Amino acid sequence: MPVDFRIDDVVRLRKPHPCGGFDWTVVRLGADIGLRCTRCSHRIMLPRTDLERGMRSFVSRAEVSDPFEERDTAERPASVEPERP
């Protein structure tokens, strides 16, 4: 079963980056996962299967936003109707 990655998750990998950092932030999802080193900000792309095998643990998880949650009406612009002559 595939691991549920989310944008802004921080994962710890088994092998260190040459800068010495073990922690990476998820910046892109798909068949390949985009990662950014938390120590030096270098970006890499890893196939999902390689990341799942090389991952040690989640350092922190991003919040799950509910796409069906009602938004506050103050955030929506008011509809403007044209004036009638």
Protein backbone atom coordinates (compact mmCIF):
# COMPACT_ATOMS: atom_id res chain seq x y z
CA MET A 1 0.00 0.00 0.00
CA PRO A 2 1.47 3.40 -0.96
CA VAL A 3 2.44 5.89 1.73
CA ASP A 4 0.16 8.94 1.98
CA PHE A 5 2.49 11.88 1.31
CA ARG A 6 1.21 15.47 1.52
CA ILE A 7 2.69 18.79 0.42
CA ASP A 8 4.75 20.30 3.30
CA ASP A 9 5.33 16.95 5.08
CA VAL A 10 8.83 16.69 6.52
CA VAL A 11 10.41 13.25 6.11
CA ARG A 12 13.64 11.80 7.46
CA LEU A 13 15.64 9.66 5.03
CA ARG A 14 18.07 6.86 5.84
CA LYS A 15 21.07 8.34 4.04
CA PRO A 16 22.29 11.90 4.66
CA HIS A 17 22.50 14.59 1.99
CA PRO A 18 26.12 15.70 1.29
CA CYS A 19 25.40 18.85 3.37
CA GLY A 20 24.75 16.57 6.38
CA GLY A 21 20.97 16.97 6.54
CA PHE A 22 18.60 14.01 6.93
CA ASP A 23 15.29 15.92 6.80
CA TRP A 24 13.44 16.84 3.59
CA THR A 25 10.23 18.78 2.88
CA VAL A 26 7.77 17.43 0.28
CA VAL A 27 7.23 20.11 -2.39
CA ARG A 28 5.67 18.11 -5.27
CA LEU A 29 3.49 15.00 -5.52
CA GLY A 30 2.98 12.53 -8.34
CA ALA A 31 4.79 9.44 -9.60
CA ASP A 32 7.96 11.33 -8.67
CA ILE A 33 8.10 13.17 -5.35
CA GLY A 34 9.83 16.56 -5.18
CA LEU A 35 11.88 17.13 -2.02
CA ARG A 36 13.75 20.16 -0.62
CA CYS A 37 16.55 19.70 1.90
CA THR A 38 15.68 21.52 5.13
CA ARG A 39 19.35 22.35 5.76
CA CYS A 40 20.60 23.68 2.40
CA SER A 41 17.35 24.05 0.34
CA HIS A 42 18.64 21.83 -2.49
CA ARG A 43 15.78 20.31 -4.52
CA ILE A 44 15.65 16.75 -5.83
CA MET A 45 13.09 14.45 -7.47
CA LEU A 46 12.79 10.84 -6.34
CA PRO A 47 10.54 8.11 -7.71
CA ARG A 48 7.79 7.36 -5.17
CA THR A 49 9.01 3.76 -4.71
CA ASP A 50 12.58 4.89 -3.92
CA LEU A 51 11.32 7.43 -1.39
CA GLU A 52 9.08 4.87 0.32
CA ARG A 53 12.03 2.47 0.66
CA GLY A 54 14.53 5.14 1.74
CA MET A 55 12.28 6.92 4.22
CA ARG A 56 12.93 6.37 7.91
CA SER A 57 10.03 8.36 9.40
CA PHE A 58 7.83 11.43 9.24
CA VAL A 59 9.27 14.34 11.23
CA SER A 60 6.05 16.35 10.86
CA ARG A 61 2.85 15.98 8.91
CA ALA A 62 1.02 18.70 6.99
CA GLU A 63 -2.56 19.48 7.93
CA VAL A 64 -5.31 17.86 5.90
CA SER A 65 -7.68 20.44 4.51
CA ASP A 66 -11.25 19.37 3.80
CA PRO A 67 -12.13 20.48 0.25
CA PHE A 68 -15.86 20.31 1.04
CA GLU A 69 -15.71 22.51 4.14
CA GLU A 70 -17.84 25.65 3.98
CA ARG A 71 -15.85 28.84 3.62
CA ASP A 72 -16.67 32.00 5.48
CA THR A 73 -18.83 34.29 3.35
CA ALA A 74 -16.53 37.23 4.15
CA GLU A 75 -13.83 35.60 2.01
CA ARG A 76 -16.04 35.56 -1.09
CA PRO A 77 -16.47 38.72 -3.15
CA ALA A 78 -19.97 40.09 -3.22
CA SER A 79 -21.79 39.57 -6.49
CA VAL A 80 -22.35 42.81 -8.35
CA GLU A 81 -25.45 43.17 -10.43
CA PRO A 82 -25.56 45.76 -13.22
CA GLU A 83 -27.80 48.77 -12.63
CA ARG A 84 -30.96 48.91 -14.69
CA PRO A 85 -31.87 52.21 -16.39
